[in-house]
């Protein structure tokens, strides 16, 4: 399914400071310029944060396999933590000095494309006679593809089995009414335990994407109509009213207005909340920190009576190509290698993510069984994240979070909050 502009972020890793300096130098010195050796060998610079998040040396092996098959192309990896990569690529995009190949977050695509910093991949796919039908999704603007998700990281529902049992809840909630009932019962068990956790810190406003709009997408809803904001629709209103109902019932962990994602994960790991919506990437982290915690993952609850496919929020390791590189054909050859069935399966396996090639299958033989459960959920639904490709997507999340905070604090009505959010969003994407 193509994820269009009318319809991300990843965890931060650690690498040597020297690598960050190398990335800064590449972006600042025209890393996309012609870098062809006298023997015709082309060197491509590839800036990303993926290598910093994978087990040491694993990404190098995948890249080395490519260069072994293509001795006329060399890959210079520029790996840095997510935050550093983001800042350097934003700087490089503004000055049109991006490295040849770049790791992309969907939240950057609109700005980079409008700046003319990243190239139209649709043309490169046509020129290379590439079968785009094998791709799980594409990020497009005005019908042109600028980013292809290589690995997807989904955000299912996490549930603490012990807390559900203690509250007398026999089944994992599958509908909104079941979730509300379970959240109330868990919150009534006493102590500081609550049913659900909702991070709404405006400094890092991704809670709007992962923890709020996810309820909308789980029932096949949309916050856009024809690419324009439609925040006053009955579907969006029902989501905000539902969150308000959970809050009014005292079923949400306190501190939402200043809570960040890492705080949410910590509360769940410590057994302080029974349910949360979170990245699959955190399964190993939770099990490492709390090996005795009994939890499972499930599809996000949908509206009562909804029978269609459920959207599941996701973030991606996306890939793009600099518009100023002299080696677009070689760069796309590398991109197509990363998205090939075998390579993409291998990369998604070591990343604990899901493939960008819909024919690739991760190897779960050495993985936690929860990954297989989540993959089944992923295949039964569809990846949904309407913030991907939108301009100033973090600003949109922030303005919505500010209005939602006022609703939860009892300082404004749902209708007024949505009307102001609609007005704010329309000034950006209207």
Protein backbone atom coordinates (compact mmCIF):
# COMPACT_ATOMS: atom_id res chain seq x y z
CA UNK A 1 0.00 0.00 0.00
CA UNK A 2 1.43 3.38 -1.02
CA UNK A 3 1.55 5.84 1.84
CA UNK A 4 0.89 9.17 0.17
CA UNK A 5 1.49 12.69 1.36
CA UNK A 6 -2.21 13.05 2.06
CA UNK A 7 -2.13 10.43 4.49
CA UNK A 8 8.23 9.10 11.76
CA UNK A 9 11.19 9.18 14.48
CA UNK A 10 13.25 6.33 15.72
CA UNK A 11 15.15 5.52 18.83
CA UNK A 12 18.58 7.06 19.31
CA UNK A 13 21.68 4.92 19.15
CA UNK A 14 25.30 5.67 19.98
CA UNK A 15 28.40 5.78 17.80
CA UNK A 16 31.83 7.33 17.99
CA UNK A 17 31.90 11.11 17.89
CA UNK A 18 34.23 10.94 14.92
CA UNK A 19 31.41 9.48 12.82
CA UNK A 20 29.19 12.43 13.63
CA UNK A 21 31.97 14.78 12.57
CA UNK A 22 32.32 12.82 9.32
CA UNK A 23 28.61 13.22 8.63
CA UNK A 24 28.79 16.93 9.30
CA UNK A 25 31.74 17.26 6.96
CA UNK A 26 29.98 15.29 4.23
CA UNK A 27 26.85 17.43 4.40
CA UNK A 28 28.81 20.62 4.56
CA UNK A 29 31.20 19.91 1.73
CA UNK A 30 28.94 18.76 -1.04
CA UNK A 31 28.96 15.04 -0.39
CA UNK A 32 26.83 14.51 -3.50
CA UNK A 33 29.49 15.72 -5.90
CA UNK A 34 31.19 13.54 -8.54
CA UNK A 35 33.37 10.99 -6.77
CA UNK A 36 34.57 8.73 -9.59
CA UNK A 37 38.03 7.15 -9.44
CA UNK A 38 40.33 6.94 -12.46
CA UNK A 39 39.34 3.29 -12.93
CA UNK A 40 35.67 4.23 -13.12
CA UNK A 41 34.81 3.14 -9.56
CA UNK A 42 32.08 5.26 -8.01
CA UNK A 43 31.96 6.00 -4.27
CA UNK A 44 28.54 6.71 -2.79
CA UNK A 45 28.13 8.32 0.61
CA UNK A 46 25.22 6.93 2.61
CA UNK A 47 24.17 8.92 5.69
CA UNK A 48 21.80 7.20 8.13
CA UNK A 49 21.23 6.31 11.78
CA UNK A 50 20.53 2.63 11.13
CA UNK A 51 24.07 1.38 11.65
CA UNK A 52 24.09 3.03 15.07
CA UNK A 53 20.99 1.07 16.12
CA UNK A 54 21.96 -2.36 14.80
CA UNK A 55 24.34 -4.83 16.45
CA UNK A 56 27.93 -3.78 15.82
CA UNK A 57 29.16 -4.72 12.36
CA UNK A 58 25.86 -6.15 11.07
CA UNK A 59 25.04 -3.30 8.70
CA UNK A 60 28.61 -3.30 7.38
CA UNK A 61 28.17 -6.96 6.38
CA UNK A 62 25.06 -6.15 4.36
CA UNK A 63 26.81 -3.27 2.62
CA UNK A 64 29.93 -5.34 1.96
CA UNK A 65 27.79 -7.99 0.24
CA UNK A 66 26.59 -5.29 -2.16
CA UNK A 67 30.07 -4.04 -2.99
CA UNK A 68 31.27 -7.60 -3.49
CA UNK A 69 28.56 -8.04 -6.12
CA UNK A 70 29.20 -4.57 -7.59
CA UNK A 71 32.97 -3.94 -7.50
CA UNK A 72 32.56 -0.71 -9.49
CA UNK A 73 30.55 0.86 -6.64
CA UNK A 74 31.88 1.60 -3.17
CA UNK A 75 29.71 2.65 -0.23
CA UNK A 76 31.00 5.06 2.39
CA UNK A 77 28.78 4.64 5.44
CA UNK A 78 28.14 7.77 7.51
CA UNK A 79 26.44 6.39 10.62
CA UNK A 80 25.39 8.60 13.52
CA UNK A 81 22.63 8.69 16.14
CA UNK A 82 19.18 9.70 14.92
CA UNK A 83 19.27 13.20 16.40
CA UNK A 84 22.66 13.97 14.87
CA UNK A 85 21.66 12.54 11.49
CA UNK A 86 18.46 14.58 11.49
CA UNK A 87 20.24 17.84 12.21
CA UNK A 88 22.99 17.29 9.66
CA UNK A 89 20.59 16.23 6.91
CA UNK A 90 18.33 19.23 7.56
CA UNK A 91 21.40 21.45 7.16
CA UNK A 92 22.54 19.56 4.06
CA UNK A 93 19.09 19.70 2.49
CA UNK A 94 18.90 23.47 2.91
CA UNK A 95 22.25 23.92 1.15
CA UNK A 96 21.65 21.06 -1.32
CA UNK A 97 24.79 19.27 -0.18
CA UNK A 98 23.24 15.99 0.92
CA UNK A 99 25.25 12.77 0.65
CA UNK A 100 24.36 10.61 -2.36
CA UNK A 101 22.02 8.29 -0.44
CA UNK A 102 20.20 9.32 2.73
CA UNK A 103 18.23 7.61 5.45
CA UNK A 104 14.92 9.47 5.81
CA UNK A 105 12.24 9.94 8.41
CA UNK A 106 8.86 10.47 6.77
CA UNK A 107 8.46 13.71 8.71
CA UNK A 108 11.32 15.27 6.71
CA UNK A 109 10.21 14.28 3.22
CA UNK A 110 7.88 17.16 2.39
CA UNK A 111 10.39 19.86 3.30
CA UNK A 112 13.33 18.08 1.62
CA UNK A 113 11.36 17.51 -1.59
CA UNK A 114 10.11 21.11 -1.77
CA UNK A 115 13.69 22.31 -1.25
CA UNK A 116 14.75 20.22 -4.25
CA UNK A 117 17.18 18.31 -2.05
CA UNK A 118 15.94 14.76 -2.72
CA UNK A 119 15.15 13.32 -6.12
CA UNK A 120 12.08 11.76 -7.70
CA UNK A 121 12.50 8.01 -7.21
CA UNK A 122 9.59 7.23 -9.53
CA UNK A 123 11.68 8.23 -12.53
CA UNK A 124 14.65 6.19 -11.32
CA UNK A 125 12.42 3.15 -10.85
CA UNK A 126 11.09 3.55 -14.39
CA UNK A 127 14.58 4.03 -15.84
CA UNK A 128 15.81 0.90 -14.03
CA UNK A 129 12.68 -1.08 -15.04
CA UNK A 130 12.16 -1.72 -11.33
CA UNK A 131 8.99 -3.50 -10.19
CA UNK A 132 7.46 -1.08 -7.68
CA UNK A 133 4.70 -3.59 -7.00
CA UNK A 134 7.00 -5.43 -4.59
CA UNK A 135 7.19 -2.41 -2.27
CA UNK A 136 5.05 -2.44 0.87
CA UNK A 137 4.71 1.34 0.74
CA UNK A 138 6.04 4.52 -0.82
CA UNK A 139 5.99 8.13 0.38
CA UNK A 140 4.78 10.36 -2.44
CA UNK A 141 4.19 14.04 -3.08
CA UNK A 142 2.07 15.05 -6.05
CA UNK A 143 2.30 11.55 -7.45
CA UNK A 144 6.09 11.28 -7.25
CA UNK A 145 7.90 8.97 -4.85
CA UNK A 146 10.60 10.60 -2.72
CA UNK A 147 11.06 8.01 0.03
CA UNK A 148 10.78 4.24 0.22
CA UNK A 149 10.43 2.67 3.69
CA UNK A 150 13.12 -0.03 3.96
CA UNK A 151 12.15 -1.34 7.42
CA UNK A 152 8.91 -0.58 9.26
CA UNK A 153 8.51 -0.49 13.03
CA UNK A 154 4.89 -0.85 14.10
CA UNK A 155 3.13 0.34 17.26
CA UNK A 156 0.73 -2.36 18.54
CA UNK A 157 -1.09 -2.49 21.88
CA UNK A 158 1.01 -3.82 24.78
CA UNK A 159 -0.90 -5.43 27.65
CA UNK A 160 0.29 -6.53 31.10
CA UNK A 161 -1.26 -9.98 31.51
CA UNK A 162 -0.92 -10.07 35.30
CA UNK A 163 -2.71 -6.74 35.72
CA UNK A 164 -5.51 -7.84 33.40
CA UNK A 165 -5.95 -11.04 35.40
CA UNK A 166 -5.88 -9.18 38.71
CA UNK A 167 -8.59 -6.85 37.40
CA UNK A 168 -10.75 -9.78 36.34
CA UNK A 169 -10.38 -9.10 32.61
CA UNK A 170 -10.30 -12.42 30.78
CA UNK A 171 -9.55 -11.27 27.22
CA UNK A 172 -7.28 -8.64 25.69
CA UNK A 173 -9.54 -5.73 24.63
CA UNK A 174 -10.42 -5.72 20.93
CA UNK A 175 -12.91 -2.81 20.90
CA UNK A 176 -13.02 0.65 22.43
CA UNK A 177 -15.73 -0.31 24.90
CA UNK A 178 -13.75 -3.37 26.01
CA UNK A 179 -10.63 -1.23 26.39
CA UNK A 180 -12.47 1.38 28.48
CA UNK A 181 -13.91 -1.35 30.69
CA UNK A 182 -10.49 -2.97 31.15
CA UNK A 183 -8.79 0.37 31.83
CA UNK A 184 -11.36 1.22 34.53
CA UNK A 185 -11.06 -2.19 36.18
CA UNK A 186 -7.25 -2.08 36.22
CA UNK A 187 -7.33 1.44 37.69
CA UNK A 188 -9.70 0.21 40.42
CA UNK A 189 -7.26 -2.46 41.66
CA UNK A 190 -5.61 0.09 43.94
CA UNK A 191 -2.20 1.63 44.47
CA UNK A 192 -0.75 3.82 41.75
CA UNK A 193 -1.72 1.45 38.91
CA UNK A 194 -3.71 2.85 35.99
CA UNK A 195 -5.25 1.28 32.92
CA UNK A 196 -3.59 3.32 30.17
CA UNK A 197 -0.72 5.74 29.67
CA UNK A 198 -0.76 8.78 27.36
CA UNK A 199 2.37 10.92 26.74
CA UNK A 200 1.44 14.44 25.58
CA UNK A 201 4.61 16.44 26.20
CA UNK A 202 4.64 19.21 23.58
CA UNK A 203 8.43 19.29 23.34
CA UNK A 204 8.32 15.82 21.77
CA UNK A 205 4.71 15.65 20.53
CA UNK A 206 4.77 12.23 18.86
CA UNK A 207 2.16 11.04 21.37
CA UNK A 208 -0.45 12.66 19.11
CA UNK A 209 0.68 10.38 16.29
CA UNK A 210 1.28 7.15 18.20
CA UNK A 211 -1.17 7.31 21.10
CA UNK A 212 -4.07 9.46 19.87
CA UNK A 213 -4.49 9.31 16.10
CA UNK A 214 -3.74 5.59 16.25
CA UNK A 215 -7.30 5.12 17.60
CA UNK A 216 -8.59 6.81 14.45
CA UNK A 217 -6.53 4.71 12.03
CA UNK A 218 -7.40 1.48 13.87
CA UNK A 219 -10.99 1.99 12.72
CA UNK A 220 -10.07 2.91 9.16
CA UNK A 221 -10.50 6.64 9.81
CA UNK A 222 -8.61 9.62 8.42
CA UNK A 223 -7.69 13.05 9.74
CA UNK A 224 -7.47 14.36 6.16
CA UNK A 225 -9.88 14.73 3.27
CA UNK A 226 -8.34 15.27 -0.15
CA UNK A 227 -5.05 16.08 1.50
CA UNK A 228 -6.59 18.84 3.63
CA UNK A 229 -7.16 18.75 7.41
CA UNK A 230 -10.54 17.46 8.52
CA UNK A 231 -10.20 17.53 12.29
CA UNK A 232 -13.83 18.46 12.95
CA UNK A 233 -15.12 15.23 11.38
CA UNK A 234 -17.25 12.84 13.48
CA UNK A 235 -14.45 10.26 13.37
CA UNK A 236 -11.78 12.55 14.82
CA UNK A 237 -14.25 13.98 17.34
CA UNK A 238 -15.11 10.48 18.55
CA UNK A 239 -11.41 9.77 19.20
CA UNK A 240 -10.91 12.91 21.28
CA UNK A 241 -14.15 12.29 23.18
CA UNK A 242 -13.00 8.73 23.84
CA UNK A 243 -9.65 9.89 25.23
CA UNK A 244 -11.52 12.44 27.37
CA UNK A 245 -13.79 9.65 28.66
CA UNK A 246 -10.75 7.60 29.69
CA UNK A 247 -9.30 10.65 31.41
CA UNK A 248 -12.54 11.56 33.19
CA UNK A 249 -12.79 7.97 34.42
CA UNK A 250 -9.38 8.29 36.10
CA UNK A 251 -8.05 5.47 33.92
CA UNK A 252 -5.00 7.32 32.54
CA UNK A 253 -1.67 7.48 34.38
CA UNK A 254 -1.08 10.92 35.93
CA UNK A 255 1.46 13.30 34.42
CA UNK A 256 0.32 13.01 30.79
CA UNK A 257 0.88 16.68 30.02
CA UNK A 258 4.63 16.43 30.61
CA UNK A 259 5.17 12.77 29.77
CA UNK A 260 7.46 11.59 26.96
CA UNK A 261 7.56 8.21 25.25
CA UNK A 262 10.42 6.89 27.38
CA UNK A 263 8.40 7.71 30.50
CA UNK A 264 5.49 5.69 29.12
CA UNK A 265 7.70 2.67 28.51
CA UNK A 266 9.17 2.96 32.01
CA UNK A 267 5.74 3.02 33.64
CA UNK A 268 4.64 -0.04 31.70
CA UNK A 269 7.88 -1.87 32.51
CA UNK A 270 7.43 -1.10 36.20
CA UNK A 271 3.89 -2.48 36.25
CA UNK A 272 2.29 0.93 36.83
CA UNK A 273 0.02 0.77 33.78
CA UNK A 274 -1.85 -2.15 32.29
CA UNK A 275 -1.89 -1.10 28.65
CA UNK A 276 0.06 1.14 26.28
CA UNK A 277 0.54 1.71 22.55
CA UNK A 278 4.23 1.39 21.78
CA UNK A 279 6.92 0.55 19.26
CA UNK A 280 7.66 -3.11 18.67
CA UNK A 281 11.31 -2.10 18.90
CA UNK A 282 10.92 -1.84 22.70
CA UNK A 283 10.08 -5.52 23.29
CA UNK A 284 13.69 -6.53 23.87
CA UNK A 285 14.32 -3.46 26.04
CA UNK A 286 11.34 -4.25 28.28
CA UNK A 287 12.32 -7.90 28.60
CA UNK A 288 15.90 -6.96 29.41
CA UNK A 289 14.88 -4.48 32.12
CA UNK A 290 11.97 -6.53 33.51
CA UNK A 291 12.47 -10.21 32.56
CA UNK A 292 9.60 -11.35 34.82
CA UNK A 293 7.00 -9.02 33.31
CA UNK A 294 4.26 -11.04 31.58
CA UNK A 295 2.96 -9.09 28.61
CA UNK A 296 1.77 -9.59 25.09
CA UNK A 297 0.99 -7.49 22.01
CA UNK A 298 -2.30 -7.17 20.16
CA UNK A 299 -4.03 -5.15 17.46
CA UNK A 300 -5.24 -1.71 18.50
CA UNK A 301 -8.90 -1.74 19.62
CA UNK A 302 -11.34 -0.51 16.99
CA UNK A 303 -14.71 1.21 17.25
CA UNK A 304 -17.47 -1.15 18.31
CA UNK A 305 -18.95 -2.76 15.24
CA UNK A 306 -16.03 -1.96 12.93
CA UNK A 307 -15.15 -4.96 10.74
CA UNK A 308 -12.72 -3.53 8.20
CA UNK A 309 -8.93 -3.71 8.13
CA UNK A 310 -7.22 -1.95 11.01
CA UNK A 311 -4.56 0.64 10.46
CA UNK A 312 -1.52 0.22 12.69
CA UNK A 313 0.79 3.19 13.32
CA UNK A 314 4.36 2.81 12.23
CA UNK A 315 7.68 4.56 11.81
CA UNK A 316 10.24 3.67 9.18
CA UNK A 317 13.82 3.58 8.18
CA UNK A 318 13.15 5.34 4.91
CA UNK A 319 15.62 5.87 2.08
CA UNK A 320 16.05 8.57 -0.53
CA UNK A 321 18.58 9.85 -3.04
CA UNK A 322 20.08 13.31 -3.23
CA UNK A 323 18.92 15.33 -6.22
CA UNK A 324 22.42 16.75 -6.66
CA UNK A 325 24.30 13.44 -6.81
CA UNK A 326 26.13 12.70 -10.06
CA UNK A 327 25.40 8.99 -9.61
CA UNK A 328 21.63 8.54 -9.43
CA UNK A 329 21.64 5.24 -11.34
CA UNK A 330 24.31 3.73 -9.09
CA UNK A 331 22.56 5.09 -6.01
CA UNK A 332 19.27 3.49 -7.05
CA UNK A 333 21.08 0.21 -7.70
CA UNK A 334 22.12 0.27 -4.03
CA UNK A 335 18.61 1.22 -2.91
CA UNK A 336 17.09 -1.63 -4.90
CA UNK A 337 19.62 -4.01 -3.32
CA UNK A 338 18.51 -3.01 0.20
CA UNK A 339 14.91 -3.58 -0.88
CA UNK A 340 15.54 -6.90 -2.60
CA UNK A 341 13.64 -9.85 -1.13
CA UNK A 342 16.64 -11.61 0.43
CA UNK A 343 18.51 -8.55 1.68
CA UNK A 344 15.39 -6.85 3.01
CA UNK A 345 14.41 -9.98 4.93
CA UNK A 346 17.89 -10.12 6.48
CA UNK A 347 17.92 -6.42 7.40
CA UNK A 348 14.43 -6.47 8.91
CA UNK A 349 15.33 -9.57 10.92
CA UNK A 350 18.38 -8.04 12.59
CA UNK A 351 16.49 -4.75 13.11
CA UNK A 352 13.46 -6.50 14.68
CA UNK A 353 11.30 -4.70 12.16
CA UNK A 354 9.10 -5.54 9.19
CA UNK A 355 10.21 -5.54 5.56
CA UNK A 356 9.75 -2.79 3.02
CA UNK A 357 9.57 -5.51 0.37
CA UNK A 358 6.18 -7.15 0.83
CA UNK A 359 7.52 -10.47 -0.48
CA UNK A 360 10.27 -10.62 2.15
CA UNK A 361 9.72 -12.63 5.32
CA UNK A 362 11.70 -11.97 8.50
CA UNK A 363 13.29 -14.98 10.19
CA UNK A 364 11.64 -15.27 13.60
CA UNK A 365 13.38 -18.51 14.57
CA UNK A 366 15.74 -16.76 16.99
CA UNK A 367 13.38 -13.92 17.92
CA UNK A 368 10.92 -13.44 20.73
CA UNK A 369 7.53 -15.03 19.79
CA UNK A 370 5.90 -11.62 20.22
CA UNK A 371 7.54 -10.47 16.98
CA UNK A 372 5.72 -13.21 15.07
CA UNK A 373 2.45 -12.20 16.75
CA UNK A 374 3.02 -8.57 15.77
CA UNK A 375 3.91 -9.57 12.20
CA UNK A 376 0.59 -11.40 11.92
CA UNK A 377 -1.20 -8.25 13.14
CA UNK A 378 0.77 -6.19 10.61
CA UNK A 379 -0.19 -8.50 7.72
CA UNK A 380 -3.87 -8.54 8.71
CA UNK A 381 -4.09 -4.74 8.76
CA UNK A 382 -2.22 -1.95 6.99
CA UNK A 383 0.52 0.53 7.96
CA UNK A 384 -1.10 3.86 8.82
CA UNK A 385 0.62 7.14 9.58
CA UNK A 386 -0.94 10.19 7.98
CA UNK A 387 1.76 12.48 9.34
CA UNK A 388 4.24 10.94 6.90
CA UNK A 389 4.87 13.40 4.10
CA UNK A 390 3.05 16.33 5.70
CA UNK A 391 4.86 19.67 5.99
CA UNK A 392 5.97 20.65 9.50
CA UNK A 393 4.45 17.45 10.86
CA UNK A 394 5.90 17.89 14.36
CA UNK A 395 4.39 21.38 14.54
CA UNK A 396 1.03 19.92 13.57
CA UNK A 397 1.30 17.33 16.34
CA UNK A 398 2.32 20.01 18.82
CA UNK A 399 -0.60 22.33 18.10
CA UNK A 400 -3.02 19.40 18.40
CA UNK A 401 -1.40 18.29 21.68
CA UNK A 402 -1.80 21.79 23.11
CA UNK A 403 -5.53 21.77 22.40
CA UNK A 404 -5.96 18.22 23.69
CA UNK A 405 -4.21 19.19 26.92
CA UNK A 406 -6.78 21.96 27.42
CA UNK A 407 -9.60 19.46 26.87
CA UNK A 408 -8.19 17.03 29.43
CA UNK A 409 -7.65 19.86 31.90
CA UNK A 410 -11.29 20.92 31.52
CA UNK A 411 -10.36 24.32 30.09
CA UNK A 412 -12.02 23.97 26.70
CA UNK A 413 -14.61 21.85 24.92
CA UNK A 414 -13.84 19.13 22.40
CA UNK A 415 -15.55 21.12 19.64
CA UNK A 416 -13.59 24.31 20.37
CA UNK A 417 -10.30 22.40 20.58
CA UNK A 418 -10.87 20.70 17.25
CA UNK A 419 -11.96 23.95 15.60
CA UNK A 420 -8.77 25.67 16.72
CA UNK A 421 -6.66 22.70 15.65
CA UNK A 422 -8.37 22.75 12.26
CA UNK A 423 -7.58 26.44 11.89
CA UNK A 424 -3.96 25.93 12.92
CA UNK A 425 -3.42 22.98 10.58
CA UNK A 426 -5.13 24.73 7.67
CA UNK A 427 -2.59 27.55 7.88
CA UNK A 428 0.13 24.95 7.24
CA UNK A 429 -1.46 22.48 4.84
CA UNK A 430 -4.64 24.27 3.82
